[in-house]
Structure formats: C-alpha cells, structure tokens
Amino acid sequence: MMKLCDEAAGIAAVKHCRRRVVTAAIDRMTFLNPVHVGQLLTCKATVNAVWRSSMEVGVRVEAENPRTGESWHTSTAYLTMVALDDE
C-alpha cells in the first residue's frame, strides 16, 4: 500500500513540476479499513501545496469489490516530494 501511494504521489508531482522528483518524507499514512485479496485499488493523488523546490502530495486509496461494485475509503497518505534539477 505504501509503495502504491509513493508511486501515485510521484506521478502527480512529476506532472505538476515537469521534472524528476524524489520522496523526501511520508508525513502521514492512515490505514482506515483493510484490503482483502481480490479487491481492486484506486489511488488518487493531488498536489496540495507547493514551495520553492518541494511540494505536499495527498493520496487517497479506495478499495472496490469487483463483484458488487461497492467501494470504500481504505487509507490516506501525505508525502513531501522534492524536485531535482537537471544535474
């Protein structure tokens, strides 16, 4: 789950700054509900705040039962991403 959140945050950060980024910190990761084998996961990442070279990205993870279509919020993460220069 943490790897998925990190990847989703990285994609959102790259799309925002158009540069390579690295994860500086995972500020908070909250696990609300369990995810079971066979359930589908959706990660939605948004850039919440931007500073000179870093940004905060929030990630919301939802699970879905593929048979019923029911979905629910499973976890939330906040990550600090740092943009790299060309060197």
Protein backbone atom coordinates (compact mmCIF):
# COMPACT_ATOMS: atom_id res chain seq x y z
CA MET A 1 0.00 0.00 0.00
CA MET A 2 2.81 2.42 0.88
CA LYS A 3 4.60 1.65 -2.39
CA LEU A 4 1.43 2.38 -4.37
CA CYS A 5 0.93 5.67 -2.53
CA ASP A 6 4.55 6.66 -3.17
CA GLU A 7 4.24 5.90 -6.89
CA ALA A 8 0.94 7.79 -7.21
CA ALA A 9 2.41 10.80 -5.39
CA GLY A 10 5.48 10.71 -7.62
CA ILE A 11 3.36 10.75 -10.77
CA ALA A 12 1.29 13.71 -9.52
CA ALA A 13 4.45 15.62 -8.57
CA VAL A 14 6.14 14.98 -11.94
CA LYS A 15 3.02 16.12 -13.78
CA HIS A 16 3.00 19.30 -11.71
CA CYS A 17 6.64 20.37 -11.98
CA ARG A 18 7.68 18.59 -15.22
CA ARG A 19 10.91 17.39 -13.57
CA ARG A 20 12.19 14.27 -11.85
CA VAL A 21 11.20 14.07 -8.19
CA VAL A 22 12.17 12.07 -5.12
CA THR A 23 10.27 11.32 -1.95
CA ALA A 24 11.65 13.39 0.92
CA ALA A 25 9.22 12.13 3.57
CA ILE A 26 5.98 10.34 4.20
CA ASP A 27 4.38 12.82 6.56
CA ARG A 28 1.41 10.67 7.50
CA MET A 29 -0.14 7.36 6.48
CA THR A 30 -3.53 6.49 7.91
CA PHE A 31 -4.99 3.00 7.48
CA LEU A 32 -8.77 3.13 7.90
CA ASN A 33 -10.07 -0.17 6.54
CA PRO A 34 -8.44 -3.45 5.49
CA VAL A 35 -7.97 -4.50 1.87
CA HIS A 36 -8.52 -8.16 1.05
CA VAL A 37 -7.12 -10.30 -1.77
CA GLY A 38 -9.22 -9.90 -4.90
CA GLN A 39 -10.32 -6.32 -4.23
CA LEU A 40 -9.39 -3.57 -6.67
CA LEU A 41 -7.48 -0.49 -5.51
CA THR A 42 -7.67 3.07 -6.81
CA CYS A 43 -5.09 5.69 -5.77
CA LYS A 44 -5.98 9.34 -6.32
CA ALA A 45 -3.13 11.81 -5.81
CA THR A 46 -3.30 15.60 -5.72
CA VAL A 47 -0.69 18.28 -5.17
CA ASN A 48 -1.91 20.15 -2.07
CA ALA A 49 0.83 22.77 -1.57
CA VAL A 50 3.94 23.91 -3.42
CA TRP A 51 7.06 25.67 -2.15
CA ARG A 52 10.37 26.56 -3.83
CA SER A 53 11.53 23.02 -4.64
CA SER A 54 9.23 20.76 -2.65
CA MET A 55 5.54 20.00 -2.56
CA GLU A 56 3.00 18.17 -0.44
CA VAL A 57 1.01 15.49 -2.22
CA GLY A 58 -2.08 13.85 -0.75
CA VAL A 59 -3.10 10.33 -1.78
CA ARG A 60 -6.49 8.76 -1.18
CA VAL A 61 -6.79 4.99 -1.60
CA GLU A 62 -10.13 3.32 -2.23
CA ALA A 63 -10.89 -0.39 -2.48
CA GLU A 64 -13.64 -1.87 -4.60
CA ASN A 65 -15.40 -5.21 -4.53
CA PRO A 66 -15.36 -6.15 -8.24
CA ARG A 67 -18.44 -8.35 -7.90
CA THR A 68 -20.75 -5.82 -6.26
CA GLY A 69 -19.18 -2.51 -7.30
CA GLU A 70 -19.17 -1.34 -3.68
CA SER A 71 -16.18 0.90 -2.87
CA TRP A 72 -14.83 2.41 0.34
CA HIS A 73 -12.00 4.61 1.58
CA THR A 74 -9.16 2.46 2.92
CA SER A 75 -6.27 4.83 3.58
CA THR A 76 -4.85 8.32 3.19
CA ALA A 77 -1.23 9.45 2.87
CA TYR A 78 0.58 12.78 2.77
CA LEU A 79 4.03 12.86 1.21
CA THR A 80 6.64 15.56 0.68
CA MET A 81 8.19 15.36 -2.79
CA VAL A 82 11.30 17.28 -3.89
CA ALA A 83 12.01 18.26 -7.50
CA LEU A 84 15.52 17.55 -8.84
CA ASP A 85 17.45 19.86 -11.13
CA ASP A 86 18.91 18.66 -14.41
CA GLU A 87 22.25 17.77 -12.83
